[in-house]
Amino acid sequence: MAQSNVYSLNIVGYVNYTQPAGTFKLVGNPLNQTNNDVSSVFTTGPTYPGLTVYKRNASNTGFDSASFDPDLAAWNGPLDVSPGTGLIVASPGGVTFSNTFIGEVVLNSTNALAGGFNLKASVVPQQGLIQTDLLAPSTPGDVVYLQNSAGTGFDTYSFDPDLAAWTPSEPTIPVAKGFYYFNGGIAKSWIRHFSVGP
């Protein structure tokens, strides 16, 4: 009997992430799982008592959160952390926090950008310039706030309508990095159709 080759269209992988103890970092889950709840995505985290993950609430006016309770050996509630969602990870304690994100690359996605402040991340695990490489729909009045390497503040990048370009430069978004995106206009969609190969 002849056998035919079977190919998968899915791209699977992993991304290692580390964070110094006692810090707050903006993070983004770079890979999709069947269940994108915090308890499935942050599997290394439970060894760190008090680890807390925050994300913007549905009305974009505050934050929802989940913390790991070492006494219960469980998270204190559900929290969806799907790719494209910007997260704040608070890592208390005296040791470096680490996590391995495991899952599939999302090939087709729509990431909503409401008017005003959004806490976002790239759906695709690809480092690149936010508009040129990651195809964010940048328009006049938009501002990106990217946490600096020390974690003590933000580097600011504005889309200048007169220059039709980012100033002081177009921001580069690393893999698994969250950031604030101020949408200076009406609501819009950040759409990606990603593929690898011929």
Protein backbone atom coordinates (compact mmCIF):
# COMPACT_ATOMS: atom_id res chain seq x y z
CA MET A 1 0.00 0.00 0.00
CA ALA A 2 1.43 3.37 -0.94
CA GLN A 3 1.92 5.87 1.85
CA SER A 4 1.35 9.56 1.39
CA ASN A 5 3.28 12.22 3.28
CA VAL A 6 1.28 14.14 5.85
CA TYR A 7 2.30 17.68 6.75
CA SER A 8 1.10 19.81 9.62
CA LEU A 9 0.31 23.48 9.08
CA ASN A 10 0.86 24.18 12.77
CA ILE A 11 4.05 25.80 14.03
CA VAL A 12 4.83 24.71 17.57
CA GLY A 13 7.62 25.73 19.88
CA TYR A 14 8.66 27.25 23.16
CA VAL A 15 10.00 30.54 24.49
CA ASN A 16 12.04 30.81 27.69
CA TYR A 17 11.41 33.85 29.87
CA THR A 18 13.25 35.09 32.98
CA GLN A 19 12.56 38.02 35.30
CA PRO A 20 14.58 39.37 38.26
CA ALA A 21 13.11 38.95 41.73
CA GLY A 22 11.09 41.81 43.17
CA THR A 23 10.20 43.37 39.82
CA PHE A 24 7.17 44.28 37.74
CA LYS A 25 7.56 43.51 34.03
CA LEU A 26 5.30 43.92 31.01
CA VAL A 27 4.99 40.52 29.35
CA GLY A 28 3.03 38.88 26.53
CA ASN A 29 2.26 35.19 26.08
CA PRO A 30 3.83 34.46 22.66
CA LEU A 31 2.29 31.03 21.99
CA ASN A 32 -1.26 29.69 21.90
CA GLN A 33 -2.43 26.73 23.96
CA THR A 34 -5.74 24.86 23.99
CA ASN A 35 -6.31 26.51 27.37
CA ASN A 36 -4.79 29.99 27.74
CA ASP A 37 -5.66 30.33 31.42
CA VAL A 38 -2.86 31.62 33.64
CA SER A 39 -2.67 28.21 35.36
CA SER A 40 -1.79 26.52 32.04
CA VAL A 41 0.49 29.20 30.60
CA PHE A 42 2.51 30.03 33.72
CA THR A 43 3.45 26.53 34.82
CA THR A 44 6.85 27.32 36.34
CA GLY A 45 5.44 30.20 38.34
CA PRO A 46 3.86 28.24 41.18
CA THR A 47 7.31 27.65 42.69
CA TYR A 48 7.31 31.39 43.44
CA PRO A 49 4.87 32.26 46.28
CA GLY A 50 2.97 35.48 45.67
CA LEU A 51 3.54 35.57 41.91
CA THR A 52 0.77 37.81 40.48
CA VAL A 53 -0.32 38.41 36.88
CA TYR A 54 -2.41 41.48 35.94
CA LYS A 55 -4.23 42.40 32.73
CA ARG A 56 -6.56 45.21 31.71
CA ASN A 57 -10.22 44.50 32.44
CA ALA A 58 -12.91 44.28 29.76
CA SER A 59 -13.91 47.94 30.16
CA ASN A 60 -10.25 49.08 29.93
CA THR A 61 -10.65 51.03 33.18
CA GLY A 62 -8.70 48.86 35.64
CA PHE A 63 -7.07 45.47 36.08
CA ASP A 64 -8.04 41.85 36.63
CA SER A 65 -5.46 39.67 38.37
CA ALA A 66 -4.60 36.18 39.55
CA SER A 67 -2.04 35.18 42.19
CA PHE A 68 -0.50 31.86 43.06
CA ASP A 69 -1.33 30.70 46.57
CA PRO A 70 1.40 28.37 47.86
CA ASP A 71 -0.83 27.09 50.68
CA LEU A 72 -3.44 25.87 48.20
CA ALA A 73 -0.82 25.03 45.54
CA ALA A 74 -3.14 26.72 43.03
CA TRP A 75 -3.99 30.03 41.41
CA ASN A 76 -6.70 32.01 43.22
CA GLY A 77 -8.86 32.38 40.13
CA PRO A 78 -9.03 32.12 36.36
CA LEU A 79 -7.37 34.71 34.11
CA ASP A 80 -7.25 34.47 30.33
CA VAL A 81 -3.73 35.35 29.07
CA SER A 82 -4.14 34.63 25.35
CA PRO A 83 -1.48 35.82 22.86
CA GLY A 84 -1.81 39.53 22.10
CA THR A 85 -2.81 40.39 25.66
CA GLY A 86 -0.34 42.59 27.50
CA LEU A 87 0.32 41.42 31.05
CA ILE A 88 2.02 42.81 34.13
CA VAL A 89 3.92 40.11 36.00
CA ALA A 90 4.85 40.88 39.60
CA SER A 91 7.69 38.66 40.80
CA PRO A 92 8.25 38.93 44.55
CA GLY A 93 10.74 36.94 46.61
CA GLY A 94 14.47 36.51 46.54
CA VAL A 95 15.03 34.44 43.40
CA THR A 96 14.72 35.00 39.67
CA PHE A 97 11.36 34.01 38.19
CA SER A 98 11.41 31.88 35.05
CA ASN A 99 8.75 30.41 32.80
CA THR A 100 8.70 28.43 29.57
CA PHE A 101 5.87 29.37 27.22
CA ILE A 102 4.85 26.34 25.14
CA GLY A 103 2.32 26.21 22.32
CA GLU A 104 1.50 27.06 18.72
CA VAL A 105 2.12 30.17 16.67
CA VAL A 106 -1.15 31.95 15.89
CA LEU A 107 -1.12 32.34 12.10
CA ASN A 108 -4.19 34.54 11.68
CA SER A 109 -5.22 37.04 14.32
CA THR A 110 -7.09 40.27 15.01
CA ASN A 111 -5.97 42.26 18.04
CA ALA A 112 -8.37 45.09 18.92
CA LEU A 113 -6.92 48.52 19.76
CA ALA A 114 -9.51 50.65 21.52
CA GLY A 115 -9.26 54.42 21.54
CA GLY A 116 -6.96 55.52 24.37
CA PHE A 117 -4.61 53.30 26.38
CA ASN A 118 -4.27 49.58 25.61
CA LEU A 119 -1.98 47.02 27.27
CA LYS A 120 -0.94 44.79 24.38
CA ALA A 121 1.63 42.34 23.01
CA SER A 122 2.35 40.93 19.59
CA VAL A 123 0.23 37.85 18.87
CA VAL A 124 3.06 36.45 16.73
CA PRO A 125 6.32 35.51 18.52
CA GLN A 126 8.39 37.71 16.24
CA GLN A 127 10.78 40.47 17.26
CA GLY A 128 10.56 43.49 15.01
CA LEU A 129 9.65 47.10 14.33
CA ILE A 130 6.06 47.61 15.43
CA GLN A 131 4.74 48.91 12.10
CA THR A 132 7.29 47.79 9.50
CA ASP A 133 7.67 44.19 10.70
CA LEU A 134 4.75 43.53 13.05
CA LEU A 135 2.23 45.44 10.90
CA ALA A 136 0.54 47.45 13.66
CA PRO A 137 -1.88 49.96 12.04
CA SER A 138 -0.10 53.08 13.26
CA THR A 139 -1.85 56.41 12.78
CA PRO A 140 -1.17 60.03 13.81
CA GLY A 141 -1.42 60.54 17.55
CA ASP A 142 -0.43 56.98 18.46
CA VAL A 143 2.15 56.50 21.22
CA VAL A 144 3.98 53.34 22.32
CA TYR A 145 5.29 53.09 25.89
CA LEU A 146 7.96 50.39 26.07
CA GLN A 147 9.33 49.48 29.50
CA ASN A 148 13.04 50.25 29.71
CA SER A 149 15.61 47.53 30.33
CA ALA A 150 16.00 48.49 33.99
CA GLY A 151 12.23 48.19 34.53
CA THR A 152 12.16 51.62 36.17
CA GLY A 153 10.28 53.60 33.55
CA PHE A 154 9.21 53.77 29.92
CA ASP A 155 10.75 54.77 26.62
CA THR A 156 8.18 56.70 24.58
CA TYR A 157 7.70 56.57 20.81
CA SER A 158 5.17 58.82 19.02
CA PHE A 159 3.78 58.62 15.52
CA ASP A 160 4.34 62.11 14.10
CA PRO A 161 1.62 63.13 11.59
CA ASP A 162 3.86 65.72 9.93
CA LEU A 163 6.67 63.25 9.30
CA ALA A 164 4.36 60.23 8.86
CA ALA A 165 6.94 58.38 10.92
CA TRP A 166 7.80 57.37 14.48
CA THR A 167 9.89 59.69 16.64
CA PRO A 168 12.53 59.45 17.93
CA SER A 169 12.49 56.10 16.06
CA GLU A 170 10.17 53.22 15.32
CA PRO A 171 10.05 50.99 18.42
CA THR A 172 11.31 47.42 18.28
CA ILE A 173 9.10 44.97 20.18
CA PRO A 174 10.92 41.89 21.56
CA VAL A 175 9.30 38.44 21.74
CA ALA A 176 7.13 37.96 24.87
CA LYS A 177 7.18 41.70 25.64
CA GLY A 178 4.08 43.62 26.67
CA PHE A 179 3.70 47.36 26.11
CA TYR A 180 1.24 50.21 26.40
CA TYR A 181 -0.23 51.37 23.09
CA PHE A 182 -2.05 54.71 23.18
CA ASN A 183 -4.41 54.76 20.22
CA GLY A 184 -4.86 58.43 19.41
CA GLY A 185 -7.76 57.85 17.03
CA ILE A 186 -10.83 55.66 16.75
CA ALA A 187 -10.84 51.95 17.53
CA LYS A 188 -8.91 49.85 15.01
CA SER A 189 -7.68 46.31 14.49
CA TRP A 190 -4.13 44.97 14.44
CA ILE A 191 -4.41 42.14 11.90
CA ARG A 192 -1.75 39.53 11.18
CA HIS A 193 -1.62 36.74 8.59
CA PHE A 194 1.64 34.96 9.35
CA SER A 195 3.31 32.14 7.42
CA VAL A 196 6.69 30.47 7.20
CA GLY A 197 8.16 28.86 4.11
CA PRO A 198 7.40 29.11 0.39
